[in-house]
């Protein structure tokens, strides 16, 4: 079982969250709402061109790469606590 499947069954479904995924390529609705990454260049900011985590990961990575809304992330934290 992939990590994302496990988390869906035993965490996300339990706390009733829907806006969470490791795979933005499968969730265009979440991709459209994704916050942009910014980096400081001299005395200004510019949109980051090479993000740390790619939008399409090779695998579900437990150390990062989960995309979620703030409300759903708080539900997950509350459920775990």
PDB file of N, CA and C in Angstrom:
ATOM      1  N   UNK A   1       0.846  -1.166   0.000  1.00  0.00           N
ATOM      2  CA  UNK A   1       0.000   0.000   0.000  1.00  0.00           C
ATOM      3  C   UNK A   1       0.898   1.238   0.000  1.00  0.00           C
ATOM      4  N   UNK A   2       0.623   2.181  -0.869  1.00  0.00           N
ATOM      5  CA  UNK A   2       1.386   3.426  -0.903  1.00  0.00           C
ATOM      6  C   UNK A   2       1.060   4.273   0.325  1.00  0.00           C
ATOM      7  N   UNK A   3       2.003   5.133   0.688  1.00  0.00           N
ATOM      8  CA  UNK A   3       1.814   6.000   1.854  1.00  0.00           C
ATOM      9  C   UNK A   3       0.552   6.850   1.718  1.00  0.00           C
ATOM     10  N   UNK A   4       0.319   7.401   0.539  1.00  0.00           N
ATOM     11  CA  UNK A   4      -0.876   8.226   0.328  1.00  0.00           C
ATOM     12  C   UNK A   4      -2.168   7.457   0.534  1.00  0.00           C
ATOM     13  N   UNK A   5      -2.198   6.202   0.082  1.00  0.00           N
ATOM     14  CA  UNK A   5      -3.382   5.358   0.277  1.00  0.00           C
ATOM     15  C   UNK A   5      -3.602   5.071   1.761  1.00  0.00           C
ATOM     16  N   UNK A   6      -2.511   4.763   2.459  1.00  0.00           N
ATOM     17  CA  UNK A   6      -2.595   4.492   3.903  1.00  0.00           C
ATOM     18  C   UNK A   6      -3.119   5.720   4.647  1.00  0.00           C
ATOM     19  N   UNK A   7      -2.533   6.874   4.339  1.00  0.00           N
ATOM     20  CA  UNK A   7      -2.947   8.096   5.024  1.00  0.00           C
ATOM     21  C   UNK A   7      -4.399   8.446   4.692  1.00  0.00           C
ATOM     22  N   UNK A   8      -4.827   8.197   3.447  1.00  0.00           N
ATOM     23  CA  UNK A   8      -6.214   8.459   3.070  1.00  0.00           C
ATOM     24  C   UNK A   8      -7.161   7.615   3.917  1.00  0.00           C
ATOM     25  N   UNK A   9      -6.864   6.331   4.026  1.00  0.00           N
ATOM     26  CA  UNK A   9      -7.741   5.406   4.741  1.00  0.00           C
ATOM     27  C   UNK A   9      -7.744   5.627   6.253  1.00  0.00           C
ATOM     28  N   UNK A  10      -6.567   5.806   6.842  1.00  0.00           N
ATOM     29  CA  UNK A  10      -6.463   5.808   8.296  1.00  0.00           C
ATOM     30  C   UNK A  10      -6.340   7.188   8.943  1.00  0.00           C
ATOM     31  N   UNK A  11      -6.177   8.222   8.123  1.00  0.00           N
ATOM     32  CA  UNK A  11      -6.101   9.572   8.689  1.00  0.00           C
ATOM     33  C   UNK A  11      -7.125  10.489   8.028  1.00  0.00           C
ATOM     34  N   UNK A  12      -6.999  10.709   6.722  1.00  0.00           N
ATOM     35  CA  UNK A  12      -7.827  11.700   6.038  1.00  0.00           C
ATOM     36  C   UNK A  12      -9.311  11.357   6.094  1.00  0.00           C
ATOM     37  N   UNK A  13      -9.666  10.103   5.823  1.00  0.00           N
ATOM     38  CA  UNK A  13     -11.073   9.702   5.885  1.00  0.00           C
ATOM     39  C   UNK A  13     -11.610   9.787   7.308  1.00  0.00           C
ATOM     40  N   UNK A  14     -10.791   9.451   8.282  1.00  0.00           N
ATOM     41  CA  UNK A  14     -11.214   9.458   9.690  1.00  0.00           C
ATOM     42  C   UNK A  14     -11.558  10.866  10.159  1.00  0.00           C
ATOM     43  N   UNK A  15     -10.759  11.858   9.746  1.00  0.00           N
ATOM     44  CA  UNK A  15     -11.014  13.234  10.194  1.00  0.00           C
ATOM     45  C   UNK A  15     -11.804  14.039   9.161  1.00  0.00           C
ATOM     46  N   UNK A  16     -12.284  13.380   8.114  1.00  0.00           N
ATOM     47  CA  UNK A  16     -13.156  13.974   7.092  1.00  0.00           C
ATOM     48  C   UNK A  16     -12.525  15.158   6.359  1.00  0.00           C
ATOM     49  N   UNK A  17     -11.340  14.928   5.783  1.00  0.00           N
ATOM     50  CA  UNK A  17     -10.717  15.960   4.958  1.00  0.00           C
ATOM     51  C   UNK A  17     -10.745  15.522   3.500  1.00  0.00           C
ATOM     52  N   UNK A  18     -10.951  16.477   2.609  1.00  0.00           N
ATOM     53  CA  UNK A  18     -11.049  16.178   1.183  1.00  0.00           C
ATOM     54  C   UNK A  18     -10.007  16.895   0.341  1.00  0.00           C
ATOM     55  N   UNK A  19      -9.494  18.009   0.831  1.00  0.00           N
ATOM     56  CA  UNK A  19      -8.555  18.812   0.052  1.00  0.00           C
ATOM     57  C   UNK A  19      -7.119  18.541   0.469  1.00  0.00           C
ATOM     58  N   UNK A  20      -6.667  17.322   0.246  1.00  0.00           N
ATOM     59  CA  UNK A  20      -5.312  16.915   0.596  1.00  0.00           C
ATOM     60  C   UNK A  20      -4.852  15.838  -0.394  1.00  0.00           C
ATOM     61  N   UNK A  21      -3.593  15.952  -0.847  1.00  0.00           N
ATOM     62  CA  UNK A  21      -3.062  14.982  -1.804  1.00  0.00           C
ATOM     63  C   UNK A  21      -1.542  15.086  -1.896  1.00  0.00           C
ATOM     64  N   UNK A  22      -0.905  14.029  -2.318  1.00  0.00           N
ATOM     65  CA  UNK A  22       0.501  14.059  -2.691  1.00  0.00           C
ATOM     66  C   UNK A  22       0.628  14.370  -4.184  1.00  0.00           C
ATOM     67  N   UNK A  23      -0.467  14.259  -4.929  1.00  0.00           N
ATOM     68  CA  UNK A  23      -0.430  14.319  -6.389  1.00  0.00           C
ATOM     69  C   UNK A  23      -1.318  15.423  -6.940  1.00  0.00           C
ATOM     70  N   UNK A  24      -0.750  16.623  -7.068  1.00  0.00           N
ATOM     71  CA  UNK A  24      -1.498  17.750  -7.626  1.00  0.00           C
ATOM     72  C   UNK A  24      -1.931  17.500  -9.068  1.00  0.00           C
ATOM     73  N   UNK A  25      -1.194  16.659  -9.790  1.00  0.00           N
ATOM     74  CA  UNK A  25      -1.567  16.388 -11.176  1.00  0.00           C
ATOM     75  C   UNK A  25      -2.927  15.703 -11.279  1.00  0.00           C
ATOM     76  N   UNK A  26      -3.391  15.114 -10.174  1.00  0.00           N
ATOM     77  CA  UNK A  26      -4.696  14.461 -10.153  1.00  0.00           C
ATOM     78  C   UNK A  26      -5.789  15.362  -9.587  1.00  0.00           C
ATOM     79  N   UNK A  27      -5.398  16.533  -9.083  1.00  0.00           N
ATOM     80  CA  UNK A  27      -6.351  17.443  -8.428  1.00  0.00           C
ATOM     81  C   UNK A  27      -6.195  18.857  -8.978  1.00  0.00           C
ATOM     82  N   UNK A  28      -6.752  19.104 -10.151  1.00  0.00           N
ATOM     83  CA  UNK A  28      -6.648  20.431 -10.775  1.00  0.00           C
ATOM     84  C   UNK A  28      -7.278  21.512  -9.901  1.00  0.00           C
ATOM     85  N   UNK A  29      -8.313  21.158  -9.131  1.00  0.00           N
ATOM     86  CA  UNK A  29      -8.940  22.135  -8.236  1.00  0.00           C
ATOM     87  C   UNK A  29      -7.960  22.627  -7.166  1.00  0.00           C
ATOM     88  N   UNK A  30      -7.124  21.737  -6.642  1.00  0.00           N
ATOM     89  CA  UNK A  30      -6.119  22.151  -5.656  1.00  0.00           C
ATOM     90  C   UNK A  30      -4.958  22.871  -6.329  1.00  0.00           C
ATOM     91  N   UNK A  31      -4.556  22.428  -7.506  1.00  0.00           N
ATOM     92  CA  UNK A  31      -3.458  23.078  -8.224  1.00  0.00           C
ATOM     93  C   UNK A  31      -3.787  24.543  -8.489  1.00  0.00           C
ATOM     94  N   UNK A  32      -5.034  24.824  -8.830  1.00  0.00           N
ATOM     95  CA  UNK A  32      -5.444  26.201  -9.122  1.00  0.00           C
ATOM     96  C   UNK A  32      -5.367  27.091  -7.880  1.00  0.00           C
ATOM     97  N   UNK A  33      -5.461  26.501  -6.694  1.00  0.00           N
ATOM     98  CA  UNK A  33      -5.441  27.278  -5.441  1.00  0.00           C
ATOM     99  C   UNK A  33      -4.099  27.231  -4.727  1.00  0.00           C
ATOM    100  N   UNK A  34      -3.097  26.607  -5.337  1.00  0.00           N
ATOM    101  CA  UNK A  34      -1.790  26.450  -4.691  1.00  0.00           C
ATOM    102  C   UNK A  34      -1.113  27.810  -4.499  1.00  0.00           C
ATOM    103  N   UNK A  35      -0.573  28.019  -3.311  1.00  0.00           N
ATOM    104  CA  UNK A  35       0.161  29.256  -3.037  1.00  0.00           C
ATOM    105  C   UNK A  35       1.473  29.251  -3.815  1.00  0.00           C
ATOM    106  N   UNK A  36       1.873  30.423  -4.271  1.00  0.00           N
ATOM    107  CA  UNK A  36       3.129  30.536  -5.009  1.00  0.00           C
ATOM    108  C   UNK A  36       4.300  30.631  -4.036  1.00  0.00           C
ATOM    109  N   UNK A  37       5.450  30.171  -4.479  1.00  0.00           N
ATOM    110  CA  UNK A  37       6.681  30.294  -3.698  1.00  0.00           C
ATOM    111  C   UNK A  37       7.423  31.537  -4.173  1.00  0.00           C
ATOM    112  N   UNK A  38       7.959  32.291  -3.215  1.00  0.00           N
ATOM    113  CA  UNK A  38       8.674  33.521  -3.539  1.00  0.00           C
ATOM    114  C   UNK A  38      10.078  33.443  -2.972  1.00  0.00           C
ATOM    115  N   UNK A  39      11.007  34.143  -3.630  1.00  0.00           N
ATOM    116  CA  UNK A  39      12.368  34.212  -3.131  1.00  0.00           C
ATOM    117  C   UNK A  39      12.863  35.651  -3.194  1.00  0.00           C
ATOM    118  N   UNK A  40      13.732  35.987  -2.241  1.00  0.00           N
ATOM    119  CA  UNK A  40      14.275  37.338  -2.187  1.00  0.00           C
ATOM    120  C   UNK A  40      15.404  37.463  -3.197  1.00  0.00           C
ATOM    121  N   UNK A  41      15.342  38.534  -3.973  1.00  0.00           N
ATOM    122  CA  UNK A  41      16.391  38.876  -4.923  1.00  0.00           C
ATOM    123  C   UNK A  41      16.738  40.337  -4.660  1.00  0.00           C
ATOM    124  N   UNK A  42      17.904  40.546  -4.080  1.00  0.00           N
ATOM    125  CA  UNK A  42      18.340  41.889  -3.691  1.00  0.00           C
ATOM    126  C   UNK A  42      17.316  42.477  -2.722  1.00  0.00           C
ATOM    127  N   UNK A  43      16.654  43.568  -3.108  1.00  0.00           N
ATOM    128  CA  UNK A  43      15.683  44.216  -2.217  1.00  0.00           C
ATOM    129  C   UNK A  43      14.247  43.988  -2.664  1.00  0.00           C
ATOM    130  N   UNK A  44      14.018  42.952  -3.448  1.00  0.00           N
ATOM    131  CA  UNK A  44      12.662  42.673  -3.911  1.00  0.00           C
ATOM    132  C   UNK A  44      12.405  41.166  -3.879  1.00  0.00           C
ATOM    133  N   UNK A  45      11.202  40.788  -4.252  1.00  0.00           N
ATOM    134  CA  UNK A  45      10.815  39.381  -4.305  1.00  0.00           C
ATOM    135  C   UNK A  45      10.455  39.017  -5.731  1.00  0.00           C
ATOM    136  N   UNK A  46      10.741  37.759  -6.098  1.00  0.00           N
ATOM    137  CA  UNK A  46      10.285  37.251  -7.392  1.00  0.00           C
ATOM    138  C   UNK A  46       9.768  35.836  -7.185  1.00  0.00           C
ATOM    139  N   UNK A  47       8.851  35.434  -8.061  1.00  0.00           N
ATOM    140  CA  UNK A  47       8.295  34.093  -7.955  1.00  0.00           C
ATOM    141  C   UNK A  47       9.398  33.072  -8.202  1.00  0.00           C
ATOM    142  N   UNK A  48       9.444  32.050  -7.357  1.00  0.00           N
ATOM    143  CA  UNK A  48      10.473  31.021  -7.451  1.00  0.00           C
ATOM    144  C   UNK A  48      10.268  30.195  -8.716  1.00  0.00           C
ATOM    145  N   UNK A  49      11.332  30.015  -9.483  1.00  0.00           N
ATOM    146  CA  UNK A  49      11.221  29.270 -10.746  1.00  0.00           C
ATOM    147  C   UNK A  49      11.523  27.785 -10.585  1.00  0.00           C
ATOM    148  N   UNK A  50      12.288  27.410  -9.575  1.00  0.00           N
ATOM    149  CA  UNK A  50      12.629  26.007  -9.338  1.00  0.00           C
ATOM    150  C   UNK A  50      12.217  25.616  -7.916  1.00  0.00           C
ATOM    151  N   UNK A  51      10.940  25.249  -7.722  1.00  0.00           N
ATOM    152  CA  UNK A  51      10.492  24.916  -6.366  1.00  0.00           C
ATOM    153  C   UNK A  51      11.220  23.701  -5.789  1.00  0.00           C
ATOM    154  N   UNK A  52      11.296  23.659  -4.482  1.00  0.00           N
ATOM    155  CA  UNK A  52      11.972  22.568  -3.778  1.00  0.00           C
ATOM    156  C   UNK A  52      11.315  21.226  -4.086  1.00  0.00           C
ATOM    157  N   UNK A  53       9.991  21.196  -4.057  1.00  0.00           N
ATOM    158  CA  UNK A  53       9.248  19.964  -4.337  1.00  0.00           C
ATOM    159  C   UNK A  53       8.541  20.102  -5.679  1.00  0.00           C
ATOM    160  N   UNK A  54       8.709  19.151  -6.572  1.00  0.00           N
ATOM    161  CA  UNK A  54       8.016  19.216  -7.865  1.00  0.00           C
ATOM    162  C   UNK A  54       6.522  18.964  -7.697  1.00  0.00           C
ATOM    163  N   UNK A  55       5.719  19.494  -8.619  1.00  0.00           N
ATOM    164  CA  UNK A  55       4.272  19.266  -8.564  1.00  0.00           C
ATOM    165  C   UNK A  55       3.911  17.808  -8.796  1.00  0.00           C
ATOM    166  N   UNK A  56       4.749  17.087  -9.538  1.00  0.00           N
ATOM    167  CA  UNK A  56       4.476  15.675  -9.812  1.00  0.00           C
ATOM    168  C   UNK A  56       5.609  14.848  -9.204  1.00  0.00           C
ATOM    169  N   UNK A  57       5.404  14.361  -7.978  1.00  0.00           N
ATOM    170  CA  UNK A  57       6.464  13.586  -7.324  1.00  0.00           C
ATOM    171  C   UNK A  57       6.556  12.171  -7.885  1.00  0.00           C
ATOM    172  N   UNK A  58       7.730  11.590  -7.761  1.00  0.00           N
ATOM    173  CA  UNK A  58       7.921  10.212  -8.225  1.00  0.00           C
ATOM    174  C   UNK A  58       7.189   9.230  -7.314  1.00  0.00           C
ATOM    175  N   UNK A  59       7.078   9.565  -6.041  1.00  0.00           N
ATOM    176  CA  UNK A  59       6.428   8.685  -5.073  1.00  0.00           C
ATOM    177  C   UNK A  59       5.866   9.519  -3.933  1.00  0.00           C
ATOM    178  N   UNK A  60       5.023   8.915  -3.108  1.00  0.00           N
ATOM    179  CA  UNK A  60       4.502   9.602  -1.923  1.00  0.00           C
ATOM    180  C   UNK A  60       5.634   9.676  -0.914  1.00  0.00           C
ATOM    181  N   UNK A  61       6.034  10.859  -0.559  1.00  0.00           N
ATOM    182  CA  UNK A  61       7.208  11.069   0.273  1.00  0.00           C
ATOM    183  C   UNK A  61       6.781  11.543   1.655  1.00  0.00           C
ATOM    184  N   UNK A  62       7.078  10.770   2.690  1.00  0.00           N
ATOM    185  CA  UNK A  62       6.650  11.090   4.049  1.00  0.00           C
ATOM    186  C   UNK A  62       7.339  12.286   4.662  1.00  0.00           C
ATOM    187  N   UNK A  63       8.459  12.728   4.107  1.00  0.00           N
ATOM    188  CA  UNK A  63       9.175  13.869   4.660  1.00  0.00           C
ATOM    189  C   UNK A  63       8.711  15.195   4.114  1.00  0.00           C
ATOM    190  N   UNK A  64       7.783  15.192   3.189  1.00  0.00           N
ATOM    191  CA  UNK A  64       7.276  16.422   2.587  1.00  0.00           C
ATOM    192  C   UNK A  64       6.563  16.109   1.292  1.00  0.00           C
ATOM    193  N   UNK A  65       5.941  17.122   0.730  1.00  0.00           N
ATOM    194  CA  UNK A  65       5.283  16.928  -0.547  1.00  0.00           C
ATOM    195  C   UNK A  65       3.779  16.746  -0.466  1.00  0.00           C
ATOM    196  N   UNK A  66       3.217  16.816   0.724  1.00  0.00           N
ATOM    197  CA  UNK A  66       1.768  16.724   0.869  1.00  0.00           C
ATOM    198  C   UNK A  66       1.174  18.103   0.638  1.00  0.00           C
ATOM    199  N   UNK A  67       0.165  18.195  -0.199  1.00  0.00           N
ATOM    200  CA  UNK A  67      -0.528  19.448  -0.462  1.00  0.00           C
ATOM    201  C   UNK A  67      -1.880  19.399   0.223  1.00  0.00           C
ATOM    202  N   UNK A  68      -2.206  20.463   0.973  1.00  0.00           N
ATOM    203  CA  UNK A  68      -3.473  20.511   1.693  1.00  0.00           C
ATOM    204  C   UNK A  68      -3.888  21.952   1.918  1.00  0.00           C
ATOM    205  N   UNK A  69      -5.177  22.164   2.138  1.00  0.00           N
ATOM    206  CA  UNK A  69      -5.632  23.492   2.536  1.00  0.00           C
ATOM    207  C   UNK A  69      -5.324  23.670   4.019  1.00  0.00           C
ATOM    208  N   UNK A  70      -5.296  24.905   4.465  1.00  0.00           N
ATOM    209  CA  UNK A  70      -5.009  25.178   5.878  1.00  0.00           C
ATOM    210  C   UNK A  70      -6.069  24.531   6.757  1.00  0.00           C
ATOM    211  N   UNK A  71      -7.325  24.663   6.401  1.00  0.00           N
ATOM    212  CA  UNK A  71      -8.403  24.086   7.221  1.00  0.00           C
ATOM    213  C   UNK A  71      -8.273  22.575   7.349  1.00  0.00           C
ATOM    214  N   UNK A  72      -7.987  21.901   6.240  1.00  0.00           N
ATOM    215  CA  UNK A  72      -7.847  20.447   6.301  1.00  0.00           C
ATOM    216  C   UNK A  72      -6.591  20.036   7.061  1.00  0.00           C
ATOM    217  N   UNK A  73      -5.518  20.785   6.919  1.00  0.00           N
ATOM    218  CA  UNK A  73      -4.308  20.475   7.672  1.00  0.00           C
ATOM    219  C   UNK A  73      -4.551  20.596   9.178  1.00  0.00           C
ATOM    220  N   UNK A  74      -5.314  21.605   9.571  1.00  0.00           N
ATOM    221  CA  UNK A  74      -5.641  21.759  10.998  1.00  0.00           C
ATOM    222  C   UNK A  74      -6.522  20.611  11.492  1.00  0.00           C
ATOM    223  N   UNK A  75      -7.431  20.121  10.656  1.00  0.00           N
ATOM    224  CA  UNK A  75      -8.248  18.961  11.028  1.00  0.00           C
ATOM    225  C   UNK A  75      -7.362  17.730  11.235  1.00  0.00           C
ATOM    226  N   UNK A  76      -6.367  17.557  10.365  1.00  0.00           N
ATOM    227  CA  UNK A  76      -5.450  16.432  10.492  1.00  0.00           C
ATOM    228  C   UNK A  76      -4.672  16.541  11.793  1.00  0.00           C
ATOM    229  N   UNK A  77      -4.104  17.719  12.052  1.00  0.00           N
ATOM    230  CA  UNK A  77      -3.348  17.919  13.317  1.00  0.00           C
ATOM    231  C   UNK A  77      -4.216  17.641  14.527  1.00  0.00           C
ATOM    232  N   UNK A  78      -5.444  18.154  14.502  1.00  0.00           N
ATOM    233  CA  UNK A  78      -6.364  17.946  15.623  1.00  0.00           C
ATOM    234  C   UNK A  78      -6.669  16.467  15.809  1.00  0.00           C
ATOM    235  N   UNK A  79      -6.892  15.768  14.691  1.00  0.00           N
ATOM    236  CA  UNK A  79      -7.180  14.330  14.770  1.00  0.00           C
ATOM    237  C   UNK A  79      -6.012  13.529  15.307  1.00  0.00           C
ATOM    238  N   UNK A  80      -4.798  13.912  14.934  1.00  0.00           N
ATOM    239  CA  UNK A  80      -3.623  13.196  15.419  1.00  0.00           C
ATOM    240  C   UNK A  80      -3.416  13.462  16.921  1.00  0.00           C
ATOM    241  N   UNK A  81      -3.647  14.695  17.317  1.00  0.00           N
ATOM    242  CA  UNK A  81      -3.487  15.021  18.757  1.00  0.00           C
ATOM    243  C   UNK A  81      -4.574  14.352  19.581  1.00  0.00           C
TER     244      UNK A  81
END
